[in-house]
N, C-alpha and C. Protein backbone atom coordinates (compact mmCIF):
# COMPACT_ATOMS: atom_id res chain seq x y z
N MET A 1 -131.57 -25.22 54.17
CA MET A 1 -130.64 -25.69 53.16
C MET A 1 -129.29 -25.92 53.84
N ASN A 2 -128.71 -27.06 53.60
CA ASN A 2 -127.43 -27.32 54.25
C ASN A 2 -126.27 -26.70 53.48
N ARG A 3 -125.12 -26.77 54.08
CA ARG A 3 -123.94 -26.09 53.55
C ARG A 3 -123.54 -26.60 52.18
N ASN A 4 -123.55 -27.91 51.99
CA ASN A 4 -123.14 -28.48 50.70
C ASN A 4 -124.10 -28.10 49.58
N ALA A 5 -125.37 -28.09 49.88
CA ALA A 5 -126.36 -27.72 48.86
C ALA A 5 -126.19 -26.26 48.46
N LYS A 6 -125.91 -25.39 49.42
CA LYS A 6 -125.72 -23.97 49.14
C LYS A 6 -124.49 -23.76 48.26
N ILE A 7 -123.42 -24.47 48.58
CA ILE A 7 -122.19 -24.36 47.78
C ILE A 7 -122.43 -24.88 46.37
N GLN A 8 -123.13 -25.99 46.25
CA GLN A 8 -123.44 -26.57 44.94
C GLN A 8 -124.31 -25.62 44.11
N LYS A 9 -125.25 -24.96 44.75
CA LYS A 9 -126.13 -24.02 44.06
C LYS A 9 -125.33 -22.83 43.53
N MET A 10 -124.40 -22.31 44.30
CA MET A 10 -123.56 -21.20 43.85
C MET A 10 -122.68 -21.64 42.68
N TYR A 11 -122.12 -22.85 42.77
CA TYR A 11 -121.28 -23.39 41.71
C TYR A 11 -122.07 -23.52 40.41
N ASP A 12 -123.28 -24.07 40.50
CA ASP A 12 -124.11 -24.25 39.31
C ASP A 12 -124.48 -22.91 38.68
N LYS A 13 -124.73 -21.91 39.51
CA LYS A 13 -125.08 -20.58 39.01
C LYS A 13 -123.92 -19.97 38.24
N ARG A 14 -122.70 -20.07 38.78
CA ARG A 14 -121.52 -19.54 38.10
C ARG A 14 -121.23 -20.29 36.81
N LEU A 15 -121.40 -21.61 36.84
CA LEU A 15 -121.16 -22.42 35.66
C LEU A 15 -122.16 -22.08 34.56
N LYS A 16 -123.40 -21.87 34.93
CA LYS A 16 -124.43 -21.53 33.95
C LYS A 16 -124.12 -20.20 33.29
N SER A 17 -123.70 -19.20 34.07
CA SER A 17 -123.40 -17.90 33.48
C SER A 17 -122.15 -17.96 32.61
N ALA A 18 -121.17 -18.77 32.99
CA ALA A 18 -119.95 -18.90 32.18
C ALA A 18 -120.26 -19.57 30.85
N ARG A 19 -121.11 -20.58 30.87
CA ARG A 19 -121.49 -21.25 29.63
C ARG A 19 -122.31 -20.33 28.74
N ALA A 20 -123.14 -19.49 29.33
CA ALA A 20 -123.95 -18.56 28.54
C ALA A 20 -123.07 -17.55 27.81
N LYS A 21 -121.96 -17.13 28.43
CA LYS A 21 -121.05 -16.18 27.77
C LYS A 21 -120.33 -16.84 26.59
N LEU A 22 -120.01 -18.12 26.70
CA LEU A 22 -119.28 -18.80 25.65
C LEU A 22 -120.17 -19.23 24.49
N LYS A 23 -121.45 -19.36 24.73
CA LYS A 23 -122.36 -19.84 23.70
C LYS A 23 -122.55 -18.76 22.65
N THR A 24 -122.40 -19.13 21.39
CA THR A 24 -122.62 -18.20 20.30
C THR A 24 -123.94 -18.56 19.64
N SER A 25 -124.62 -17.57 19.18
CA SER A 25 -125.91 -17.77 18.55
C SER A 25 -125.73 -18.06 17.07
N SER A 26 -126.47 -19.02 16.55
CA SER A 26 -126.42 -19.32 15.13
C SER A 26 -127.47 -18.51 14.37
N LYS A 27 -128.22 -17.73 15.11
CA LYS A 27 -129.28 -16.92 14.53
C LYS A 27 -128.69 -15.64 13.93
N ALA A 28 -129.17 -15.27 12.77
CA ALA A 28 -128.69 -14.04 12.13
C ALA A 28 -129.16 -12.83 12.92
N PRO A 29 -128.36 -11.78 12.95
CA PRO A 29 -128.78 -10.58 13.69
C PRO A 29 -130.00 -9.94 13.03
N TYR A 30 -130.83 -9.30 13.85
CA TYR A 30 -132.05 -8.68 13.36
C TYR A 30 -131.72 -7.40 12.60
N ILE A 31 -132.34 -7.25 11.43
CA ILE A 31 -132.20 -6.04 10.64
C ILE A 31 -133.59 -5.44 10.50
N SER A 32 -133.73 -4.19 10.90
CA SER A 32 -135.05 -3.57 10.90
C SER A 32 -135.57 -3.40 9.47
N LYS A 33 -136.87 -3.22 9.38
CA LYS A 33 -137.51 -3.08 8.09
C LYS A 33 -136.99 -1.85 7.35
N ALA A 34 -136.76 -0.76 8.08
CA ALA A 34 -136.25 0.46 7.46
C ALA A 34 -134.84 0.25 6.91
N ASP A 35 -134.01 -0.48 7.67
CA ASP A 35 -132.64 -0.75 7.20
C ASP A 35 -132.66 -1.67 5.98
N ARG A 36 -133.57 -2.64 5.96
CA ARG A 36 -133.68 -3.51 4.79
C ARG A 36 -134.10 -2.72 3.57
N ALA A 37 -135.04 -1.79 3.75
CA ALA A 37 -135.51 -0.97 2.63
C ALA A 37 -134.39 -0.07 2.13
N LYS A 38 -133.61 0.49 3.06
CA LYS A 38 -132.49 1.35 2.67
C LYS A 38 -131.44 0.56 1.89
N ALA A 39 -131.13 -0.64 2.34
CA ALA A 39 -130.15 -1.48 1.64
C ALA A 39 -130.66 -1.87 0.26
N GLU A 40 -131.94 -2.17 0.16
CA GLU A 40 -132.53 -2.51 -1.13
C GLU A 40 -132.46 -1.33 -2.08
N LEU A 41 -132.74 -0.15 -1.58
CA LEU A 41 -132.69 1.05 -2.40
C LEU A 41 -131.26 1.33 -2.87
N GLU A 42 -130.28 1.14 -2.02
CA GLU A 42 -128.89 1.36 -2.39
C GLU A 42 -128.43 0.38 -3.46
N THR A 43 -128.85 -0.87 -3.36
CA THR A 43 -128.41 -1.87 -4.34
C THR A 43 -129.04 -1.61 -5.70
N THR A 44 -130.25 -1.09 -5.72
CA THR A 44 -130.88 -0.83 -7.02
C THR A 44 -130.33 0.42 -7.67
N THR A 45 -129.89 1.41 -6.90
CA THR A 45 -129.39 2.65 -7.50
C THR A 45 -127.90 2.57 -7.83
N VAL A 46 -127.15 1.64 -7.27
CA VAL A 46 -125.71 1.55 -7.48
C VAL A 46 -125.37 0.89 -8.81
N GLU A 47 -126.26 0.05 -9.33
CA GLU A 47 -125.96 -0.68 -10.55
C GLU A 47 -125.76 0.29 -11.73
N PRO A 48 -124.61 0.25 -12.38
CA PRO A 48 -124.34 1.15 -13.49
C PRO A 48 -125.07 0.72 -14.76
N ASP A 49 -125.31 1.67 -15.61
CA ASP A 49 -125.96 1.40 -16.88
C ASP A 49 -124.90 0.90 -17.86
N THR A 50 -125.04 -0.32 -18.34
CA THR A 50 -124.00 -0.91 -19.19
C THR A 50 -124.27 -0.67 -20.67
N GLN A 51 -125.45 -0.20 -21.03
CA GLN A 51 -125.75 0.04 -22.44
C GLN A 51 -125.18 1.39 -22.87
N LYS A 52 -124.57 1.39 -24.06
CA LYS A 52 -124.03 2.63 -24.61
C LYS A 52 -124.75 2.93 -25.92
N TYR A 53 -125.07 4.17 -26.09
CA TYR A 53 -125.79 4.58 -27.32
C TYR A 53 -124.87 5.25 -28.29
């Protein structure tokens, strides 16, 4: 490998890692099944009873 190719390869590697740091994911973060169940349980128990007798 000649000198210019080696320099270009190092440059491309650094550029790729820099772009990877700046890229943001549009994907929602993963929430485990247990956490989803806990959140569902909290939302169902928090609702106040609006009927008065």
